[in-house]
Protein backbone atom coordinates (compact mmCIF):
# COMPACT_ATOMS: atom_id res chain seq x y z
CA MET A 1 212.82 156.82 100.47
CA ILE A 2 212.82 154.02 97.94
CA PHE A 3 209.75 153.06 95.94
CA ASN A 4 208.85 150.25 93.58
CA VAL A 5 207.12 151.95 90.66
CA ARG A 6 204.97 150.31 88.00
CA VAL A 7 204.62 152.62 85.00
CA THR A 8 201.93 152.56 82.33
CA ALA A 9 202.86 154.81 79.42
CA ARG A 10 200.49 156.35 76.85
CA SER A 11 197.59 156.60 79.28
CA SER A 12 194.78 159.08 78.81
CA ARG A 13 195.86 161.10 81.87
CA ASN A 14 198.66 161.37 84.42
CA ARG A 15 197.96 159.73 87.76
CA ILE A 16 199.85 158.43 90.80
CA GLN A 17 198.42 155.79 93.13
CA GLN A 18 200.43 155.09 96.27
CA GLU A 19 200.12 151.82 98.18
CA GLY A 20 202.76 151.79 100.91
CA ASN A 21 206.16 151.75 99.22
CA ASN A 22 204.63 150.79 95.87
CA LEU A 23 203.46 153.30 93.31
CA LYS A 24 201.33 152.83 90.21
CA VAL A 25 201.92 155.67 87.78
CA ASN A 26 200.04 156.40 84.57
CA LEU A 27 201.84 158.66 82.10
CA THR A 28 200.62 160.31 78.90
CA LYS A 29 204.05 160.28 77.21
CA PRO A 30 205.23 157.25 75.20
CA ALA A 31 208.02 155.04 76.51
CA GLN A 32 210.59 156.03 73.89
CA GLU A 33 213.69 158.21 73.95
CA GLY A 34 213.34 158.69 77.72
CA MET A 35 210.18 160.80 77.49
CA ALA A 36 208.25 158.65 79.97
CA ASN A 37 211.14 158.67 82.46
CA GLU A 38 211.34 162.47 82.29
CA GLN A 39 207.61 162.78 82.84
CA LEU A 40 207.80 160.30 85.72
CA ILE A 41 210.41 162.46 87.47
CA ASP A 42 208.31 165.58 86.86
CA LEU A 43 205.19 163.97 88.35
CA LEU A 44 206.99 162.51 91.36
CA SER A 45 208.67 165.83 92.15
CA GLY A 46 205.27 167.52 92.28
CA HIS A 47 203.65 164.69 94.23
CA PHE A 48 206.35 164.54 96.93
CA ARG A 49 207.16 168.27 96.77
CA VAL A 50 210.87 167.81 96.11
CA LYS A 51 213.21 169.11 93.41
CA LYS A 52 213.74 167.01 90.28
CA TYR A 53 217.42 166.46 91.08
CA GLN A 54 216.39 164.71 94.32
CA ILE A 55 214.73 161.88 92.35
CA ARG A 56 216.78 159.10 90.80
CA ILE A 57 215.76 155.99 88.88
CA LYS A 58 218.06 153.37 90.39
CA SER A 59 217.01 150.48 88.16
CA GLY A 60 214.56 149.77 85.38
CA GLN A 61 215.40 152.63 83.00
CA ASN A 62 213.99 150.60 80.09
CA SER A 63 211.38 148.64 82.04
CA ARG A 64 207.81 149.18 83.24
CA VAL A 65 208.88 148.25 86.79
CA LYS A 66 211.37 150.71 88.27
CA LEU A 67 213.15 151.27 91.54
CA VAL A 68 213.08 154.99 92.35
CA GLU A 69 214.97 156.74 95.15
CA ILE A 70 213.79 160.09 96.51
CA ASP A 71 216.22 162.08 98.62
CA GLU A 72 214.21 164.22 101.03
CA ASN A 73 217.25 166.19 102.21
CA PRO A 74 218.47 168.63 99.52
């Protein structure tokens, strides 16, 4: 599955809102040194009940808008 993800870093709490293939994700970590990307992968793995290695940020490593691929088959 491929999702368009809009990330808001430094929020007061972690939250995922799903609207079809679009996700809005609030993260508590700042967007520096990859901390927000790591937290994004942690949250998505729990939300979709997959392992962390099954989630890959395909584009937007340094952007608020990301394209994320989730491999459902381990």
